[in-house]
Amino acid sequence: MADIHYKTDEEIEIIRQNCLLVSKTLAMVGSHLKDGSVGTKLDQLAEEFIRDHGAEPGFKGYQDFPATLCISKNEVVVHGIPNEEPFKEGDIISIDCGVYQHGYYGDAAYTFALGKISEETMKLLVVTKDSLYKGIEAAKRDGRLGDISFAIQNYTEKVHGYSVVRELVGHGIGKNLHEKPQVPNFGKKGRGVKLQEGLVIAIEPMINLGTRNIAQSSDGWTVYTKDKKPSAHYEHTIAVKNGRADILSDHSFIEEVIDKNDQLEKISLKS
């Protein structure tokens, strides 16, 4: 498709560095995430960290979004605006972050478990995180975008009985935060855009424990599940390179912090 901008190796490396900064920002935020912490303080720390590394927050001011981080707790799917309500044990907290530097964006997200959460919710987090990697595994040269979508939907809905949010999707990324193509978390194998060398996309399953139906808050941003059951969200930016997916972001920074933070629970992949 002529309106998809395939990236050069040099562009991919710039985006990789931006995504690594996002990942390190999320790790830093995770190190401060505890019972009683508040979103506004985490947001302030994230903005300072990004600017100290010579970059700009990718989300702040984007379509008038007021913050550096999207912080989405429990039944909030995405786009939560940081506020002063303290986090407490048992919360799950999705934190999505973007940066802009050297003319390109980086983007990644992770859902944290604060203290002991229910087995039911923990399983949702594990399956959602696992589905992200199943989508990534399907991102191969000469495949189709629908292969990624199918892999995520099949694993979360058919195998585990969860619900895939339809209205919100992953996306291309580069000089703009959101570029073509859209990357749905539902679809059919063999359909959609052909996956070619240099395609850079953000894959981000948003999976609900209950119904897939969502609603938007009066603030114009916060999206939550209509049944108020938990939702999980994980995101990597990847490039199709040398015939396969090259993951440009890195959750290992985050997981190292979780291992050291006795208030956060590890989300371990089951497969």
Protein backbone atom coordinates (compact mmCIF):
# COMPACT_ATOMS: atom_id res chain seq x y z
CA MET A 1 0.00 0.00 0.00
CA ALA A 2 1.40 3.33 -1.07
CA ASP A 3 0.32 5.08 2.14
CA ILE A 4 2.33 2.74 4.38
CA HIS A 5 5.83 4.07 5.05
CA TYR A 6 8.29 1.16 5.16
CA LYS A 7 11.34 2.08 7.23
CA THR A 8 15.01 1.87 6.36
CA ASP A 9 17.44 0.13 8.69
CA GLU A 10 18.57 3.55 9.93
CA GLU A 11 15.02 4.60 10.73
CA ILE A 12 14.37 1.32 12.51
CA GLU A 13 17.41 1.87 14.72
CA ILE A 14 16.17 5.35 15.72
CA ILE A 15 12.76 3.91 16.56
CA ARG A 16 14.47 1.10 18.51
CA GLN A 17 16.37 3.60 20.65
CA ASN A 18 13.14 5.47 21.32
CA CYS A 19 11.34 2.26 22.25
CA LEU A 20 14.16 1.30 24.61
CA LEU A 21 13.80 4.69 26.30
CA VAL A 22 10.07 4.02 26.65
CA SER A 23 10.84 0.62 28.18
CA LYS A 24 13.31 2.15 30.64
CA THR A 25 10.76 4.83 31.52
CA LEU A 26 8.17 2.16 32.27
CA ALA A 27 10.73 0.33 34.40
CA MET A 28 11.51 3.50 36.34
CA VAL A 29 7.81 4.14 36.88
CA GLY A 30 7.38 0.53 38.05
CA SER A 31 10.10 1.04 40.64
CA HIS A 32 7.91 3.76 42.21
CA LEU A 33 4.63 1.88 41.93
CA LYS A 34 3.42 0.83 45.38
CA ASP A 35 0.44 0.86 47.70
CA GLY A 36 -0.44 4.55 48.18
CA SER A 37 1.40 5.94 45.14
CA VAL A 38 -0.57 8.23 42.82
CA GLY A 39 -0.69 8.54 39.06
CA THR A 40 0.11 12.26 38.91
CA LYS A 41 3.43 11.73 40.69
CA LEU A 42 4.35 8.80 38.44
CA ASP A 43 3.51 10.95 35.43
CA GLN A 44 5.75 13.76 36.67
CA LEU A 45 8.63 11.32 37.22
CA ALA A 46 8.16 9.88 33.72
CA GLU A 47 8.22 13.27 32.04
CA GLU A 48 11.37 14.28 33.92
CA PHE A 49 13.06 10.97 33.03
CA ILE A 50 12.23 11.29 29.33
CA ARG A 51 13.38 14.91 29.12
CA ASP A 52 16.56 14.12 31.08
CA HIS A 53 17.36 11.65 28.28
CA GLY A 54 16.99 14.32 25.62
CA ALA A 55 13.59 13.23 24.33
CA GLU A 56 10.06 14.58 24.54
CA PRO A 57 6.97 12.81 25.90
CA GLY A 58 5.19 11.35 22.89
CA PHE A 59 1.69 11.47 24.35
CA LYS A 60 1.59 14.82 26.14
CA GLY A 61 -0.26 17.28 23.93
CA TYR A 62 -1.06 14.61 21.33
CA GLN A 63 -4.62 15.48 20.31
CA ASP A 64 -4.60 17.52 23.56
CA PHE A 65 -3.93 14.54 25.83
CA PRO A 66 -2.84 16.18 29.11
CA ALA A 67 -0.20 13.74 30.40
CA THR A 68 3.00 11.84 29.63
CA LEU A 69 1.56 8.46 30.62
CA CYS A 70 -1.75 6.72 30.05
CA ILE A 71 -2.46 5.06 33.41
CA SER A 72 -5.40 2.65 33.25
CA LYS A 73 -6.49 0.87 36.42
CA ASN A 74 -8.58 -2.28 36.76
CA GLU A 75 -11.63 -1.89 34.49
CA VAL A 76 -10.03 0.94 32.50
CA VAL A 77 -8.91 -0.46 29.16
CA VAL A 78 -6.65 2.36 27.93
CA HIS A 79 -6.17 6.15 27.85
CA GLY A 80 -6.62 6.70 31.58
CA ILE A 81 -5.54 10.18 32.68
CA PRO A 82 -3.21 10.16 35.73
CA ASN A 83 -4.97 11.38 38.85
CA GLU A 84 -4.57 11.72 42.64
CA GLU A 85 -6.42 8.54 43.62
CA PRO A 86 -3.93 6.28 45.48
CA PHE A 87 -3.24 2.82 44.12
CA LYS A 88 -3.88 -0.06 46.48
CA GLU A 89 -3.01 -3.72 46.77
CA GLY A 90 -5.05 -5.81 44.36
CA ASP A 91 -5.08 -3.18 41.61
CA ILE A 92 -3.86 -3.91 38.10
CA ILE A 93 -2.39 -0.88 36.39
CA SER A 94 -1.73 -0.61 32.67
CA ILE A 95 0.87 2.03 31.89
CA ASP A 96 1.32 3.12 28.28
CA CYS A 97 4.12 5.48 27.27
CA GLY A 98 5.50 7.09 24.15
CA VAL A 99 8.55 9.24 23.40
CA TYR A 100 9.59 11.44 20.49
CA GLN A 101 13.20 12.00 19.54
CA HIS A 102 15.21 12.54 16.33
CA GLY A 103 11.98 12.87 14.34
CA TYR A 104 10.46 9.50 15.31
CA TYR A 105 8.27 7.98 17.99
CA GLY A 106 8.59 4.96 20.28
CA ASP A 107 5.71 3.22 22.06
CA ALA A 108 5.19 0.37 24.55
CA ALA A 109 2.88 -0.63 27.40
CA TYR A 110 2.79 -3.01 30.36
CA THR A 111 0.17 -4.02 32.92
CA PHE A 112 1.47 -4.21 36.49
CA ALA A 113 -0.09 -6.24 39.33
CA LEU A 114 0.13 -4.39 42.65
CA GLY A 115 0.40 -6.88 45.50
CA LYS A 116 -1.69 -10.02 45.54
CA ILE A 117 -4.40 -10.03 42.90
CA SER A 118 -7.08 -12.66 42.33
CA GLU A 119 -6.12 -15.82 40.47
CA GLU A 120 -8.79 -14.96 37.89
CA THR A 121 -7.22 -11.57 37.18
CA MET A 122 -3.68 -12.93 37.20
CA LYS A 123 -4.65 -15.46 34.55
CA LEU A 124 -6.06 -12.64 32.40
CA LEU A 125 -2.74 -10.79 32.63
CA VAL A 126 -0.70 -13.88 31.82
CA VAL A 127 -2.86 -14.81 28.83
CA THR A 128 -2.90 -11.24 27.48
CA LYS A 129 0.87 -10.96 27.76
CA ASP A 130 1.28 -14.38 26.14
CA SER A 131 -1.07 -13.36 23.31
CA LEU A 132 1.20 -10.41 22.50
CA TYR A 133 4.05 -12.81 21.78
CA LYS A 134 1.80 -15.10 19.77
CA GLY A 135 0.94 -12.09 17.61
CA ILE A 136 4.61 -11.21 17.28
CA GLU A 137 5.47 -14.79 16.25
CA ALA A 138 2.94 -14.46 13.41
CA ALA A 139 4.59 -11.29 12.05
CA LYS A 140 6.66 -12.85 9.27
CA ARG A 141 7.63 -11.51 5.87
CA ASP A 142 5.11 -12.36 3.16
CA GLY A 143 2.50 -13.18 5.75
CA ARG A 144 -0.57 -11.01 6.23
CA LEU A 145 -1.64 -8.59 8.92
CA GLY A 146 -4.61 -10.86 9.64
CA ASP A 147 -2.17 -13.58 10.74
CA ILE A 148 -1.18 -11.40 13.71
CA SER A 149 -4.79 -10.51 14.47
CA PHE A 150 -5.93 -14.13 14.28
CA ALA A 151 -3.15 -15.38 16.54
CA ILE A 152 -4.16 -12.94 19.29
CA GLN A 153 -7.90 -13.47 18.95
CA ASN A 154 -7.72 -17.24 18.71
CA TYR A 155 -5.57 -17.53 21.84
CA THR A 156 -7.53 -15.09 23.99
CA GLU A 157 -11.10 -15.74 22.84
CA LYS A 158 -11.20 -19.29 21.51
CA VAL A 159 -8.69 -20.92 23.85
CA HIS A 160 -9.28 -18.92 27.03
CA GLY A 161 -12.75 -17.40 26.67
CA TYR A 162 -11.81 -13.76 27.12
CA SER A 163 -13.01 -10.84 24.99
CA VAL A 164 -10.99 -8.82 22.48
CA VAL A 165 -11.76 -5.11 22.35
CA ARG A 166 -12.77 -4.25 18.78
CA GLU A 167 -12.82 -0.44 18.78
CA LEU A 168 -9.15 0.02 19.74
CA VAL A 169 -6.26 -1.40 17.74
CA GLY A 170 -2.51 -1.38 17.28
CA HIS A 171 -0.93 0.78 14.61
CA GLY A 172 1.99 1.66 12.43
CA ILE A 173 4.50 4.02 13.99
CA GLY A 174 7.35 6.20 12.79
CA LYS A 175 7.42 9.92 12.12
CA ASN A 176 3.86 9.91 13.43
CA LEU A 177 2.64 8.20 16.59
CA HIS A 178 -0.20 6.54 14.70
CA GLU A 179 0.41 5.54 11.09
CA LYS A 180 -1.10 3.01 8.73
CA PRO A 181 -1.75 0.15 8.92
CA GLN A 182 -4.13 -0.40 11.80
CA VAL A 183 -3.36 -3.65 13.65
CA PRO A 184 -6.58 -5.19 15.05
CA ASN A 185 -6.42 -7.88 17.72
CA PHE A 186 -9.08 -9.86 15.85
CA GLY A 187 -9.20 -11.11 12.28
CA LYS A 188 -8.64 -13.95 9.85
CA LYS A 189 -5.46 -15.58 8.63
CA GLY A 190 -4.36 -14.61 5.15
CA ARG A 191 -6.30 -11.32 5.15
CA GLY A 192 -5.09 -7.76 5.17
CA VAL A 193 -1.85 -5.99 4.30
CA LYS A 194 1.09 -8.12 3.21
CA LEU A 195 3.91 -8.01 5.76
CA GLN A 196 7.02 -6.64 4.08
CA GLU A 197 10.56 -5.78 5.14
CA GLY A 198 10.68 -2.44 6.93
CA LEU A 199 7.11 -2.50 8.26
CA VAL A 200 7.12 -1.06 11.79
CA ILE A 201 3.99 -1.61 13.89
CA ALA A 202 2.86 -1.47 17.50
CA ILE A 203 1.07 -4.68 18.49
CA GLU A 204 -1.06 -4.17 21.59
CA PRO A 205 -3.70 -6.69 22.68
CA MET A 206 -6.41 -5.17 24.89
CA ILE A 207 -8.25 -8.09 26.44
CA ASN A 208 -11.25 -8.05 28.79
CA LEU A 209 -12.15 -10.59 31.45
CA GLY A 210 -15.86 -10.13 30.73
CA THR A 211 -17.73 -8.54 27.86
CA ARG A 212 -15.85 -6.87 25.00
CA ASN A 213 -18.19 -3.86 25.24
CA ILE A 214 -16.56 -0.61 26.28
CA ALA A 215 -17.56 2.97 27.03
CA GLN A 216 -15.76 6.30 27.22
CA SER A 217 -15.68 8.60 30.21
CA SER A 218 -16.89 12.19 30.03
CA ASP A 219 -13.22 13.29 30.11
CA GLY A 220 -13.08 12.29 26.43
CA TRP A 221 -10.21 9.86 26.94
CA THR A 222 -10.70 7.16 29.57
CA VAL A 223 -12.06 3.93 28.05
CA TYR A 224 -13.48 1.33 30.44
CA THR A 225 -15.29 -2.00 30.30
CA LYS A 226 -19.07 -1.67 30.45
CA ASP A 227 -19.35 -4.52 32.93
CA LYS A 228 -16.55 -3.00 35.08
CA LYS A 229 -14.55 -6.23 34.97
CA PRO A 230 -10.75 -6.02 34.58
CA SER A 231 -8.97 -5.40 31.29
CA ALA A 232 -5.30 -6.08 30.47
CA HIS A 233 -3.01 -4.39 27.95
CA TYR A 234 0.53 -5.13 26.77
CA GLU A 235 2.36 -3.55 23.84
CA HIS A 236 5.55 -3.97 21.86
CA THR A 237 6.75 -2.08 18.81
CA ILE A 238 8.21 -4.45 16.22
CA ALA A 239 9.83 -4.25 12.79
CA VAL A 240 9.62 -6.88 10.07
CA LYS A 241 13.32 -7.41 9.44
CA ASN A 242 15.21 -10.31 7.89
CA GLY A 243 11.94 -12.11 7.39
CA ARG A 244 10.73 -12.07 10.97
CA ALA A 245 9.66 -9.80 13.80
CA ASP A 246 12.40 -7.79 15.46
CA ILE A 247 11.08 -6.53 18.82
CA LEU A 248 12.23 -2.92 19.23
CA SER A 249 10.92 -2.36 22.77
CA ASP A 250 12.12 -4.44 25.74
CA HIS A 251 9.95 -5.56 28.66
CA SER A 252 12.95 -7.14 30.41
CA PHE A 253 13.85 -3.75 31.91
CA ILE A 254 10.40 -3.69 33.50
CA GLU A 255 10.55 -7.28 34.70
CA GLU A 256 13.93 -6.75 36.37
CA VAL A 257 12.34 -3.95 38.40
CA ILE A 258 9.32 -6.10 39.25
CA ASP A 259 11.66 -8.80 40.57
CA LYS A 260 13.20 -6.24 42.94
CA ASN A 261 9.93 -4.54 43.95
CA ASP A 262 8.30 -6.67 46.64
CA GLN A 263 4.97 -4.92 46.05
CA LEU A 264 4.67 -6.00 42.41
CA GLU A 265 3.73 -9.48 41.21
CA LYS A 266 5.56 -11.12 38.32
CA ILE A 267 3.43 -11.82 35.24
CA SER A 268 4.98 -15.05 34.01
CA LEU A 269 4.36 -16.45 30.55
CA LYS A 270 2.88 -19.92 30.61
CA SER A 271 4.07 -21.08 27.19
